[in-house]
Amino acid sequence: MMKKLLEDFKYLTYVIFHPFDGFYEVRFRGKGNLALGAIILILYGLLAIIKYQYTGFIMNNNPLFAMNSITTFIFGIFPFLLFCISNWSVTAIFEGSGKFSDIFIVLTYALFPKLVLDAVIVILSNVVTAEEATILTAISAAGSVFFAFLVFAGLCVAHEYTAGTNVAMLVATFVAAIIIIFLAILYITLIQKAVSFGYTFAAEFMKRW
């Protein structure tokens, strides 16, 4: 299994520099690896914790005394998982051919260059001056743009969409994400009220009996 993982990691570098051909191989010839994607996502969640605490003070405005590692980790990976769910939900309705696993691999493989760049930026942020920090900010922005391009290319291939259709599906994906968040908050609120009502009812019942 480790040998297979290393081979898929080597192929990941090909996907990064040849996204359309690379994601075609991933989608139609089984070159993707869910375990590798999961490792990348977990590493990005751990990097979110490291970024919060160890980014140089020039670029770090986080209140370190208020840090919660678990919360930081969850919020580090949550947007990507939400995107996978939202995109799969939308494209399943509008005849996208990509499966949930395909979307997950596209997103996590595209995340790898950003993972590396963000790790380098954390290290360099501790040795740069305030003037040089703008360069790191620009590099971080470039990494985000490249990540978005890789996701766009990968989803075009995975769902067999044209560029225009893919743009429309991405807009629909963000709308679906908002709806999912709203429904999740509503559900949690209702559960909390039901639990609170049950606790109050039980307390009153015990007092009377």
N, C-alpha and C. Protein backbone atom coordinates (compact mmCIF):
# COMPACT_ATOMS: atom_id res chain seq x y z
N MET A 1 0.83 -1.21 0.00
CA MET A 1 0.00 0.00 0.00
C MET A 1 0.87 1.26 0.00
N MET A 2 1.96 1.23 0.77
CA MET A 2 2.85 2.39 0.83
C MET A 2 3.48 2.66 -0.53
N LYS A 3 3.83 1.57 -1.25
CA LYS A 3 4.41 1.74 -2.58
C LYS A 3 3.41 2.39 -3.52
N LYS A 4 2.15 1.96 -3.44
CA LYS A 4 1.09 2.54 -4.27
C LYS A 4 0.90 4.02 -3.93
N LEU A 5 0.98 4.34 -2.64
CA LEU A 5 0.81 5.72 -2.20
C LEU A 5 1.93 6.61 -2.74
N LEU A 6 3.15 6.09 -2.72
CA LEU A 6 4.29 6.86 -3.24
C LEU A 6 4.16 7.06 -4.75
N GLU A 7 3.70 6.04 -5.45
CA GLU A 7 3.52 6.16 -6.90
C GLU A 7 2.45 7.21 -7.22
N ASP A 8 1.36 7.21 -6.43
CA ASP A 8 0.30 8.19 -6.65
C ASP A 8 0.76 9.60 -6.29
N PHE A 9 1.65 9.69 -5.31
CA PHE A 9 2.20 11.01 -4.96
C PHE A 9 3.05 11.56 -6.09
N LYS A 10 3.83 10.69 -6.72
CA LYS A 10 4.63 11.12 -7.88
C LYS A 10 3.71 11.58 -9.01
N TYR A 11 2.61 10.87 -9.18
CA TYR A 11 1.68 11.27 -10.24
C TYR A 11 1.01 12.59 -9.91
N LEU A 12 0.85 12.88 -8.62
CA LEU A 12 0.26 14.16 -8.19
C LEU A 12 1.03 15.34 -8.76
N THR A 13 2.35 15.25 -8.81
CA THR A 13 3.15 16.34 -9.36
C THR A 13 2.85 16.54 -10.85
N TYR A 14 2.57 15.45 -11.54
CA TYR A 14 2.20 15.56 -12.96
C TYR A 14 0.85 16.26 -13.10
N VAL A 15 -0.08 15.92 -12.22
CA VAL A 15 -1.41 16.54 -12.27
C VAL A 15 -1.32 18.05 -12.07
N ILE A 16 -0.44 18.47 -11.16
CA ILE A 16 -0.31 19.89 -10.86
C ILE A 16 0.15 20.69 -12.08
N PHE A 17 1.07 20.14 -12.85
CA PHE A 17 1.63 20.88 -13.99
C PHE A 17 0.93 20.56 -15.31
N HIS A 18 0.11 19.51 -15.33
CA HIS A 18 -0.66 19.15 -16.51
C HIS A 18 -2.09 18.83 -16.05
N PRO A 19 -2.83 19.83 -15.57
CA PRO A 19 -4.11 19.56 -14.90
C PRO A 19 -5.15 18.87 -15.76
N PHE A 20 -5.30 19.28 -17.00
CA PHE A 20 -6.36 18.68 -17.83
C PHE A 20 -6.05 17.22 -18.16
N ASP A 21 -4.82 16.96 -18.61
CA ASP A 21 -4.43 15.58 -18.88
C ASP A 21 -4.38 14.75 -17.60
N GLY A 22 -3.83 15.37 -16.55
CA GLY A 22 -3.68 14.66 -15.29
C GLY A 22 -5.01 14.27 -14.68
N PHE A 23 -5.95 15.20 -14.62
CA PHE A 23 -7.26 14.89 -14.04
C PHE A 23 -8.06 13.95 -14.94
N TYR A 24 -7.77 13.96 -16.24
CA TYR A 24 -8.41 12.98 -17.12
C TYR A 24 -7.98 11.57 -16.72
N GLU A 25 -6.69 11.41 -16.48
CA GLU A 25 -6.18 10.10 -16.05
C GLU A 25 -6.77 9.71 -14.69
N VAL A 26 -6.90 10.69 -13.81
CA VAL A 26 -7.48 10.43 -12.49
C VAL A 26 -8.93 10.00 -12.62
N ARG A 27 -9.68 10.70 -13.47
CA ARG A 27 -11.12 10.45 -13.58
C ARG A 27 -11.43 9.16 -14.34
N PHE A 28 -10.74 8.93 -15.44
CA PHE A 28 -11.15 7.84 -16.33
C PHE A 28 -10.22 6.62 -16.30
N ARG A 29 -9.05 6.75 -15.70
CA ARG A 29 -8.12 5.62 -15.69
C ARG A 29 -7.65 5.25 -14.28
N GLY A 30 -8.38 5.72 -13.29
CA GLY A 30 -8.14 5.29 -11.92
C GLY A 30 -6.81 5.68 -11.32
N LYS A 31 -6.26 6.85 -11.73
CA LYS A 31 -4.96 7.27 -11.19
C LYS A 31 -5.09 8.02 -9.86
N GLY A 32 -6.32 8.30 -9.43
CA GLY A 32 -6.51 9.03 -8.18
C GLY A 32 -6.42 8.12 -6.97
N ASN A 33 -6.13 8.70 -5.82
CA ASN A 33 -6.00 7.93 -4.58
C ASN A 33 -6.71 8.68 -3.46
N LEU A 34 -7.82 8.12 -2.98
CA LEU A 34 -8.59 8.78 -1.92
C LEU A 34 -7.78 8.93 -0.63
N ALA A 35 -6.96 7.92 -0.33
CA ALA A 35 -6.14 7.98 0.89
C ALA A 35 -5.16 9.14 0.82
N LEU A 36 -4.54 9.34 -0.34
CA LEU A 36 -3.62 10.45 -0.52
C LEU A 36 -4.35 11.77 -0.39
N GLY A 37 -5.54 11.85 -0.96
CA GLY A 37 -6.34 13.06 -0.82
C GLY A 37 -6.69 13.36 0.62
N ALA A 38 -7.05 12.31 1.37
CA ALA A 38 -7.39 12.48 2.78
C ALA A 38 -6.17 12.95 3.58
N ILE A 39 -5.00 12.41 3.26
CA ILE A 39 -3.76 12.83 3.94
C ILE A 39 -3.49 14.31 3.69
N ILE A 40 -3.65 14.74 2.44
CA ILE A 40 -3.42 16.15 2.10
C ILE A 40 -4.38 17.04 2.89
N LEU A 41 -5.66 16.64 2.97
CA LEU A 41 -6.65 17.45 3.68
C LEU A 41 -6.34 17.51 5.17
N ILE A 42 -5.95 16.38 5.76
CA ILE A 42 -5.60 16.36 7.18
C ILE A 42 -4.37 17.24 7.44
N LEU A 43 -3.38 17.15 6.55
CA LEU A 43 -2.19 17.99 6.69
C LEU A 43 -2.55 19.47 6.61
N TYR A 44 -3.51 19.80 5.74
CA TYR A 44 -3.92 21.21 5.64
C TYR A 44 -4.62 21.66 6.92
N GLY A 45 -5.40 20.76 7.52
CA GLY A 45 -6.03 21.09 8.81
C GLY A 45 -4.99 21.31 9.89
N LEU A 46 -3.96 20.47 9.92
CA LEU A 46 -2.88 20.64 10.90
C LEU A 46 -2.09 21.92 10.61
N LEU A 47 -1.92 22.24 9.33
CA LEU A 47 -1.23 23.46 8.97
C LEU A 47 -2.01 24.69 9.43
N ALA A 48 -3.34 24.59 9.43
CA ALA A 48 -4.16 25.70 9.91
C ALA A 48 -3.83 26.02 11.38
N ILE A 49 -3.59 24.97 12.16
CA ILE A 49 -3.20 25.17 13.56
C ILE A 49 -1.82 25.82 13.64
N ILE A 50 -0.89 25.32 12.83
CA ILE A 50 0.47 25.86 12.83
C ILE A 50 0.46 27.32 12.37
N LYS A 51 -0.32 27.62 11.32
CA LYS A 51 -0.40 28.99 10.83
C LYS A 51 -0.94 29.93 11.91
N TYR A 52 -1.94 29.47 12.62
CA TYR A 52 -2.57 30.30 13.66
C TYR A 52 -1.56 30.69 14.74
N GLN A 53 -0.72 29.74 15.11
CA GLN A 53 0.16 29.96 16.26
C GLN A 53 1.56 30.43 15.87
N TYR A 54 2.08 29.94 14.76
CA TYR A 54 3.50 30.14 14.47
C TYR A 54 3.79 31.09 13.31
N THR A 55 2.76 31.66 12.68
CA THR A 55 3.02 32.70 11.69
C THR A 55 3.71 33.88 12.39
N GLY A 56 4.70 34.48 11.73
CA GLY A 56 5.46 35.57 12.33
C GLY A 56 4.56 36.71 12.78
N PHE A 57 4.97 37.40 13.85
CA PHE A 57 4.12 38.42 14.47
C PHE A 57 3.78 39.56 13.51
N ILE A 58 4.62 39.78 12.50
CA ILE A 58 4.34 40.85 11.54
C ILE A 58 3.07 40.55 10.75
N MET A 59 2.81 39.26 10.48
CA MET A 59 1.66 38.86 9.67
C MET A 59 0.59 38.15 10.50
N ASN A 60 0.74 38.13 11.80
CA ASN A 60 -0.15 37.34 12.64
C ASN A 60 -0.90 38.24 13.63
N ASN A 61 -2.20 38.37 13.40
CA ASN A 61 -3.04 39.16 14.30
C ASN A 61 -3.96 38.28 15.16
N ASN A 62 -3.69 36.99 15.18
CA ASN A 62 -4.54 36.07 15.93
C ASN A 62 -4.30 36.19 17.43
N PRO A 63 -5.37 36.17 18.23
CA PRO A 63 -5.21 36.15 19.70
C PRO A 63 -4.79 34.75 20.16
N LEU A 64 -3.51 34.54 20.36
CA LEU A 64 -3.00 33.20 20.65
C LEU A 64 -3.57 32.62 21.94
N PHE A 65 -3.91 33.48 22.90
CA PHE A 65 -4.44 32.99 24.18
C PHE A 65 -5.83 32.38 24.00
N ALA A 66 -6.49 32.71 22.88
CA ALA A 66 -7.84 32.20 22.64
C ALA A 66 -7.85 31.01 21.68
N MET A 67 -6.70 30.47 21.38
CA MET A 67 -6.60 29.40 20.39
C MET A 67 -7.22 28.09 20.89
N ASN A 68 -7.98 27.45 20.01
CA ASN A 68 -8.53 26.12 20.27
C ASN A 68 -8.13 25.25 19.08
N SER A 69 -7.24 24.32 19.31
CA SER A 69 -6.66 23.53 18.21
C SER A 69 -7.73 22.74 17.46
N ILE A 70 -8.66 22.15 18.19
CA ILE A 70 -9.69 21.33 17.55
C ILE A 70 -10.58 22.19 16.65
N THR A 71 -11.00 23.35 17.18
CA THR A 71 -11.84 24.25 16.39
C THR A 71 -11.10 24.75 15.16
N THR A 72 -9.82 25.10 15.34
CA THR A 72 -9.01 25.58 14.22
C THR A 72 -8.86 24.51 13.16
N PHE A 73 -8.65 23.28 13.58
CA PHE A 73 -8.52 22.16 12.63
C PHE A 73 -9.82 21.96 11.85
N ILE A 74 -10.94 21.96 12.56
CA ILE A 74 -12.23 21.73 11.91
C ILE A 74 -12.53 22.83 10.91
N PHE A 75 -12.31 24.09 11.32
CA PHE A 75 -12.58 25.20 10.41
C PHE A 75 -11.57 25.25 9.27
N GLY A 76 -10.42 24.57 9.44
CA GLY A 76 -9.44 24.51 8.37
C GLY A 76 -9.86 23.60 7.23
N ILE A 77 -10.55 22.50 7.57
CA ILE A 77 -10.93 21.53 6.54
C ILE A 77 -12.42 21.61 6.17
N PHE A 78 -13.22 22.24 7.02
CA PHE A 78 -14.67 22.28 6.79
C PHE A 78 -15.06 22.89 5.44
N PRO A 79 -14.48 24.03 5.03
CA PRO A 79 -14.89 24.61 3.75
C PRO A 79 -14.69 23.67 2.56
N PHE A 80 -13.65 22.86 2.60
CA PHE A 80 -13.38 21.95 1.49
C PHE A 80 -14.38 20.80 1.47
N LEU A 81 -14.70 20.26 2.64
CA LEU A 81 -15.70 19.20 2.70
C LEU A 81 -17.08 19.72 2.31
N LEU A 82 -17.39 20.95 2.74
CA LEU A 82 -18.66 21.56 2.38
C LEU A 82 -18.75 21.75 0.87
N PHE A 83 -17.64 22.17 0.26
CA PHE A 83 -17.62 22.36 -1.19
C PHE A 83 -17.87 21.03 -1.90
N CYS A 84 -17.23 19.98 -1.44
CA CYS A 84 -17.41 18.65 -2.05
C CYS A 84 -18.88 18.24 -2.00
N ILE A 85 -19.50 18.40 -0.84
CA ILE A 85 -20.91 18.01 -0.68
C ILE A 85 -21.81 18.87 -1.56
N SER A 86 -21.56 20.18 -1.56
CA SER A 86 -22.40 21.10 -2.33
C SER A 86 -22.25 20.84 -3.82
N ASN A 87 -21.02 20.69 -4.29
CA ASN A 87 -20.81 20.47 -5.72
C ASN A 87 -21.39 19.14 -6.16
N TRP A 88 -21.23 18.12 -5.36
CA TRP A 88 -21.81 16.81 -5.70
C TRP A 88 -23.34 16.89 -5.75
N SER A 89 -23.94 17.62 -4.80
CA SER A 89 -25.40 17.76 -4.76
C SER A 89 -25.92 18.46 -6.01
N VAL A 90 -25.24 19.54 -6.41
CA VAL A 90 -25.69 20.32 -7.56
C VAL A 90 -25.46 19.54 -8.86
N THR A 91 -24.27 19.00 -9.02
CA THR A 91 -23.94 18.33 -10.29
C THR A 91 -24.70 17.02 -10.46
N ALA A 92 -25.11 16.40 -9.36
CA ALA A 92 -25.93 15.18 -9.47
C ALA A 92 -27.28 15.51 -10.09
N ILE A 93 -27.77 16.72 -9.83
CA ILE A 93 -29.06 17.15 -10.39
C ILE A 93 -28.91 17.56 -11.86
N PHE A 94 -27.79 18.22 -12.15
CA PHE A 94 -27.58 18.76 -13.50
C PHE A 94 -26.65 17.89 -14.35
N GLU A 95 -26.77 16.61 -14.18
CA GLU A 95 -26.13 15.63 -15.07
C GLU A 95 -24.61 15.72 -15.11
N GLY A 96 -24.00 16.05 -13.99
CA GLY A 96 -22.55 15.97 -13.91
C GLY A 96 -22.14 14.51 -13.78
N SER A 97 -21.10 14.12 -14.46
CA SER A 97 -20.72 12.70 -14.46
C SER A 97 -19.75 12.34 -13.33
N GLY A 98 -19.24 13.33 -12.63
CA GLY A 98 -18.29 13.07 -11.57
C GLY A 98 -18.95 12.54 -10.30
N LYS A 99 -18.31 11.59 -9.66
CA LYS A 99 -18.79 11.06 -8.39
C LYS A 99 -18.23 11.90 -7.25
N PHE A 100 -18.73 11.66 -6.04
CA PHE A 100 -18.23 12.40 -4.88
C PHE A 100 -16.73 12.18 -4.70
N SER A 101 -16.28 10.94 -4.92
CA SER A 101 -14.86 10.64 -4.77
C SER A 101 -14.02 11.40 -5.79
N ASP A 102 -14.55 11.59 -7.01
CA ASP A 102 -13.83 12.36 -8.03
C ASP A 102 -13.67 13.82 -7.60
N ILE A 103 -14.75 14.39 -7.08
CA ILE A 103 -14.70 15.78 -6.62
C ILE A 103 -13.71 15.93 -5.47
N PHE A 104 -13.73 14.97 -4.55
CA PHE A 104 -12.82 15.01 -3.41
C PHE A 104 -11.36 14.96 -3.86
N ILE A 105 -11.06 14.08 -4.80
CA ILE A 105 -9.69 13.96 -5.30
C ILE A 105 -9.26 15.23 -6.02
N VAL A 106 -10.14 15.78 -6.85
CA VAL A 106 -9.83 17.03 -7.55
C VAL A 106 -9.49 18.12 -6.55
N LEU A 107 -10.33 18.27 -5.53
CA LEU A 107 -10.14 19.36 -4.56
C LEU A 107 -8.87 19.17 -3.75
N THR A 108 -8.61 17.97 -3.30
CA THR A 108 -7.44 17.75 -2.45
C THR A 108 -6.14 17.77 -3.23
N TYR A 109 -6.16 17.23 -4.45
CA TYR A 109 -4.96 17.30 -5.28
C TYR A 109 -4.64 18.76 -5.62
N ALA A 110 -5.68 19.55 -5.92
CA ALA A 110 -5.48 20.97 -6.22
C ALA A 110 -4.98 21.73 -5.00
N LEU A 111 -5.29 21.21 -3.82
CA LEU A 111 -4.90 21.88 -2.58
C LEU A 111 -3.41 21.70 -2.26
N PHE A 112 -2.78 20.68 -2.83
CA PHE A 112 -1.40 20.37 -2.45
C PHE A 112 -0.43 21.53 -2.68
N PRO A 113 -0.44 22.20 -3.85
CA PRO A 113 0.50 23.32 -4.02
C PRO A 113 0.28 24.43 -3.00
N LYS A 114 -0.99 24.69 -2.67
CA LYS A 114 -1.29 25.72 -1.66
C LYS A 114 -0.79 25.29 -0.28
N LEU A 115 -0.90 24.00 0.00
CA LEU A 115 -0.39 23.46 1.26
C LEU A 115 1.11 23.73 1.39
N VAL A 116 1.85 23.43 0.32
CA VAL A 116 3.30 23.64 0.34
C VAL A 116 3.64 25.13 0.46
N LEU A 117 2.98 25.97 -0.34
CA LEU A 117 3.25 27.40 -0.30
C LEU A 117 2.93 28.00 1.07
N ASP A 118 1.80 27.61 1.65
CA ASP A 118 1.43 28.15 2.95
C ASP A 118 2.42 27.74 4.04
N ALA A 119 2.94 26.50 3.94
CA ALA A 119 3.94 26.04 4.91
C ALA A 119 5.22 26.86 4.78
N VAL A 120 5.64 27.13 3.54
CA VAL A 120 6.84 27.94 3.31
C VAL A 120 6.64 29.35 3.82
N ILE A 121 5.43 29.90 3.60
CA ILE A 121 5.13 31.26 4.05
C ILE A 121 5.18 31.36 5.57
N VAL A 122 4.68 30.34 6.27
CA VAL A 122 4.74 30.35 7.73
C VAL A 122 6.19 30.44 8.21
N ILE A 123 7.07 29.66 7.56
CA ILE A 123 8.49 29.66 7.93
C ILE A 123 9.12 31.03 7.65
N LEU A 124 8.89 31.53 6.43
CA LEU A 124 9.52 32.80 6.04
C LEU A 124 8.95 34.00 6.79
N SER A 125 7.70 33.89 7.24
CA SER A 125 7.08 35.01 7.95
C SER A 125 7.80 35.35 9.25
N ASN A 126 8.61 34.42 9.74
CA ASN A 126 9.34 34.66 10.99
C ASN A 126 10.69 35.34 10.77
N VAL A 127 11.07 35.54 9.50
CA VAL A 127 12.38 36.13 9.24
C VAL A 127 12.31 37.35 8.32
N VAL A 128 11.10 37.71 7.85
CA VAL A 128 10.98 38.85 6.94
C VAL A 128 10.70 40.13 7.69
N THR A 129 10.95 41.26 7.02
CA THR A 129 10.60 42.56 7.57
C THR A 129 9.18 42.91 7.15
N ALA A 130 8.66 44.02 7.68
CA ALA A 130 7.29 44.44 7.35
C ALA A 130 7.15 44.71 5.86
N GLU A 131 8.19 45.29 5.25
CA GLU A 131 8.13 45.57 3.80
C GLU A 131 8.14 44.29 2.99
N GLU A 132 8.90 43.31 3.43
CA GLU A 132 9.00 42.04 2.69
C GLU A 132 7.76 41.17 2.87
N ALA A 133 6.99 41.45 3.92
CA ALA A 133 5.79 40.66 4.19
C ALA A 133 4.78 40.77 3.06
N THR A 134 4.78 41.91 2.35
CA THR A 134 3.85 42.07 1.23
C THR A 134 4.15 41.07 0.12
N ILE A 135 5.42 40.70 -0.02
CA ILE A 135 5.79 39.70 -1.03
C ILE A 135 5.17 38.35 -0.68
N LEU A 136 5.22 38.00 0.61
CA LEU A 136 4.62 36.74 1.04
C LEU A 136 3.11 36.75 0.85
N THR A 137 2.50 37.91 1.09
CA THR A 137 1.06 38.03 0.87
C THR A 137 0.72 37.81 -0.59
N ALA A 138 1.56 38.38 -1.48
CA ALA A 138 1.35 38.21 -2.92
C ALA A 138 1.52 36.74 -3.32
N ILE A 139 2.52 36.06 -2.73
CA ILE A 139 2.74 34.64 -3.03
C ILE A 139 1.54 33.81 -2.57
N SER A 140 1.03 34.15 -1.39
CA SER A 140 -0.14 33.44 -0.87
C SER A 140 -1.34 33.63 -1.79
N ALA A 141 -1.53 34.85 -2.28
CA ALA A 141 -2.64 35.13 -3.20
C ALA A 141 -2.47 34.35 -4.50
N ALA A 142 -1.22 34.30 -5.00
CA ALA A 142 -0.95 33.54 -6.22
C ALA A 142 -1.25 32.06 -6.02
N GLY A 143 -0.91 31.54 -4.84
CA GLY A 143 -1.21 30.14 -4.53
C GLY A 143 -2.70 29.87 -4.53
N SER A 144 -3.48 30.82 -4.01
CA SER A 144 -4.94 30.67 -3.98
C SER A 144 -5.51 30.69 -5.40
N VAL A 145 -4.97 31.58 -6.24
CA VAL A 145 -5.43 31.66 -7.63
C VAL A 145 -5.10 30.35 -8.37
N PHE A 146 -3.91 29.83 -8.16
CA PHE A 146 -3.51 28.58 -8.81
C PHE A 146 -4.38 27.42 -8.32
N PHE A 147 -4.69 27.41 -7.03
CA PHE A 147 -5.59 26.40 -6.47
C PHE A 147 -6.95 26.47 -7.15
N ALA A 148 -7.49 27.69 -7.31
CA ALA A 148 -8.79 27.86 -7.96
C ALA A 148 -8.76 27.38 -9.41
N PHE A 149 -7.65 27.65 -10.09
CA PHE A 149 -7.51 27.19 -11.49
C PHE A 149 -7.50 25.67 -11.57
N LEU A 150 -6.75 25.03 -10.68
CA LEU A 150 -6.68 23.57 -10.68
C LEU A 150 -8.05 22.95 -10.39
N VAL A 151 -8.78 23.53 -9.44
CA VAL A 151 -10.12 23.04 -9.13
C VAL A 151 -11.03 23.19 -10.34
N PHE A 152 -10.96 24.36 -10.97
CA PHE A 152 -11.79 24.61 -12.15
C PHE A 152 -11.49 23.60 -13.26
N ALA A 153 -10.21 23.40 -13.53
CA ALA A 153 -9.82 22.45 -14.57
C ALA A 153 -10.25 21.03 -14.21
N GLY A 154 -10.02 20.65 -12.96
CA GLY A 154 -10.37 19.31 -12.53
C GLY A 154 -11.86 19.03 -12.59
N LEU A 155 -12.68 20.01 -12.22
CA LEU A 155 -14.13 19.82 -12.25
C LEU A 155 -14.66 19.78 -13.68
N CYS A 156 -14.05 20.56 -14.57
CA CYS A 156 -14.42 20.48 -15.99
C CYS A 156 -14.24 19.06 -16.51
N VAL A 157 -13.11 18.46 -16.15
CA VAL A 157 -12.81 17.10 -16.61
C VAL A 157 -13.70 16.08 -15.90
N ALA A 158 -13.82 16.21 -14.58
CA ALA A 158 -14.57 15.22 -13.80
C ALA A 158 -16.04 15.15 -14.21
N HIS A 159 -16.64 16.33 -14.46
CA HIS A 159 -18.07 16.35 -14.79
C HIS A 159 -18.33 16.40 -16.29
N GLU A 160 -17.24 16.49 -17.08
CA GLU A 160 -17.36 16.62 -18.53
C GLU A 160 -18.22 17.83 -18.91
N TYR A 161 -17.93 18.95 -18.23
CA TYR A 161 -18.62 20.21 -18.50
C TYR A 161 -17.76 21.10 -19.39
N THR A 162 -18.44 22.00 -20.11
CA THR A 162 -17.71 23.08 -20.78
C THR A 162 -17.35 24.12 -19.74
N ALA A 163 -16.50 25.07 -20.11
CA ALA A 163 -16.08 26.10 -19.15
C ALA A 163 -17.28 26.91 -18.67
N GLY A 164 -18.17 27.29 -19.59
CA GLY A 164 -19.33 28.09 -19.21
C GLY A 164 -20.25 27.35 -18.26
N THR A 165 -20.51 26.08 -18.57
CA THR A 165 -21.37 25.28 -17.68
C THR A 165 -20.72 25.10 -16.32
N ASN A 166 -19.41 24.93 -16.30
CA ASN A 166 -18.70 24.75 -15.04
C ASN A 166 -18.80 26.00 -14.17
N VAL A 167 -18.70 27.18 -14.79
CA VAL A 167 -18.86 28.43 -14.03
C VAL A 167 -20.25 28.50 -13.40
N ALA A 168 -21.27 28.16 -14.19
CA ALA A 168 -22.64 28.17 -13.67
C ALA A 168 -22.81 27.19 -12.52
N MET A 169 -22.19 26.01 -12.64
CA MET A 169 -22.29 25.01 -11.58
C MET A 169 -21.54 25.45 -10.31
N LEU A 170 -20.44 26.18 -10.48
CA LEU A 170 -19.71 26.70 -9.32
C LEU A 170 -20.54 27.74 -8.58
N VAL A 171 -21.23 28.60 -9.33
CA VAL A 171 -22.13 29.57 -8.69
C VAL A 171 -23.23 28.83 -7.93
N ALA A 172 -23.80 27.83 -8.57
CA ALA A 172 -24.84 27.02 -7.92
C ALA A 172 -24.29 26.29 -6.70
N THR A 173 -23.02 25.89 -6.78
CA THR A 173 -22.37 25.21 -5.65
C THR A 173 -22.31 26.11 -4.43
N PHE A 174 -21.93 27.37 -4.64
CA PHE A 174 -21.85 28.30 -3.51
C PHE A 174 -23.23 28.59 -2.94
N VAL A 175 -24.24 28.68 -3.79
CA VAL A 175 -25.61 28.87 -3.31
C VAL A 175 -26.04 27.66 -2.48
N ALA A 176 -25.73 26.46 -2.99
CA ALA A 176 -26.07 25.24 -2.26
C ALA A 176 -25.36 25.18 -0.91
N ALA A 177 -24.11 25.65 -0.88
CA ALA A 177 -23.35 25.65 0.38
C ALA A 177 -24.03 26.55 1.42
N ILE A 178 -24.51 27.70 0.97
CA ILE A 178 -25.21 28.61 1.88
C ILE A 178 -26.47 27.96 2.41
N ILE A 179 -27.21 27.29 1.52
CA ILE A 179 -28.44 26.61 1.94
C ILE A 179 -28.14 25.49 2.94
N ILE A 180 -27.08 24.73 2.67
CA ILE A 180 -26.70 23.64 3.58
C ILE A 180 -26.34 24.19 4.96
N ILE A 181 -25.57 25.28 4.99
CA ILE A 181 -25.20 25.89 6.28
C ILE A 181 -26.44 26.37 7.01
N PHE A 182 -27.35 27.02 6.28
CA PHE A 182 -28.59 27.53 6.89
C PHE A 182 -29.41 26.39 7.49
N LEU A 183 -29.58 25.30 6.73
CA LEU A 183 -30.35 24.17 7.21
C LEU A 183 -29.67 23.50 8.40
N ALA A 184 -28.33 23.43 8.36
CA ALA A 184 -27.60 22.82 9.48
C ALA A 184 -27.78 23.64 10.76
N ILE A 185 -27.69 24.98 10.62
CA ILE A 185 -27.88 25.85 11.79
C ILE A 185 -29.31 25.72 12.32
N LEU A 186 -30.28 25.68 11.39
CA LEU A 186 -31.69 25.52 11.79
C LEU A 186 -31.90 24.20 12.51
N TYR A 187 -31.31 23.14 12.00
CA TYR A 187 -31.45 21.82 12.60
C TYR A 187 -30.84 21.79 14.00
N ILE A 188 -29.64 22.34 14.13
CA ILE A 188 -28.96 22.38 15.43
C ILE A 188 -29.76 23.19 16.43
N THR A 189 -30.32 24.33 15.97
CA THR A 189 -31.13 25.18 16.85
C THR A 189 -32.36 24.44 17.35
N LEU A 190 -33.02 23.72 16.43
CA LEU A 190 -34.21 22.95 16.82
C LEU A 190 -33.86 21.85 17.81
N ILE A 191 -32.73 21.18 17.59
CA ILE A 191 -32.29 20.13 18.51
C ILE A 191 -32.02 20.72 19.89
N GLN A 192 -31.34 21.88 19.92
CA GLN A 192 -31.04 22.52 21.20
C GLN A 192 -32.32 22.90 21.95
N LYS A 193 -33.31 23.43 21.20
CA LYS A 193 -34.58 23.80 21.84
C LYS A 193 -35.31 22.57 22.34
N ALA A 194 -35.26 21.48 21.57
CA ALA A 194 -35.93 20.25 21.99
C ALA A 194 -35.28 19.68 23.25
N VAL A 195 -33.95 19.71 23.29
CA VAL A 195 -33.23 19.23 24.47
C VAL A 195 -33.53 20.10 25.67
N SER A 196 -33.53 21.43 25.45
CA SER A 196 -33.82 22.36 26.53
C SER A 196 -35.24 22.16 27.07
N PHE A 197 -36.20 21.94 26.16
CA PHE A 197 -37.58 21.69 26.58
C PHE A 197 -37.68 20.39 27.37
N GLY A 198 -37.00 19.35 26.86
CA GLY A 198 -37.03 18.07 27.57
C GLY A 198 -36.42 18.16 28.95
N TYR A 199 -35.31 18.91 29.07
CA TYR A 199 -34.65 19.08 30.37
C TYR A 199 -35.56 19.84 31.34
N THR A 200 -36.20 20.92 30.84
CA THR A 200 -37.10 21.72 31.68
C THR A 200 -38.30 20.90 32.12
N PHE A 201 -38.87 20.14 31.18
CA PHE A 201 -40.03 19.30 31.49
C PHE A 201 -39.66 18.25 32.54
N ALA A 202 -38.50 17.62 32.38
CA ALA A 202 -38.07 16.60 33.35
C ALA A 202 -37.83 17.21 34.72
N ALA A 203 -37.23 18.43 34.74
CA ALA A 203 -36.96 19.10 36.01
C ALA A 203 -38.25 19.43 36.73
N GLU A 204 -39.25 19.95 36.00
CA GLU A 204 -40.54 20.28 36.60
C GLU A 204 -41.26 19.03 37.09
N PHE A 205 -41.16 17.97 36.29
CA PHE A 205 -41.80 16.71 36.66
C PHE A 205 -41.20 16.16 37.96
N MET A 206 -39.89 16.24 38.10
CA MET A 206 -39.22 15.74 39.31
C MET A 206 -39.59 16.58 40.53
N LYS A 207 -39.76 17.88 40.33
CA LYS A 207 -40.12 18.74 41.45
C LYS A 207 -41.52 18.41 41.97
N ARG A 208 -42.43 18.13 41.04
CA ARG A 208 -43.81 17.87 41.44
C ARG A 208 -43.98 16.46 42.05
N TRP A 209 -43.07 15.56 41.67
CA TRP A 209 -43.20 14.20 42.19
C TRP A 209 -42.09 13.85 43.16
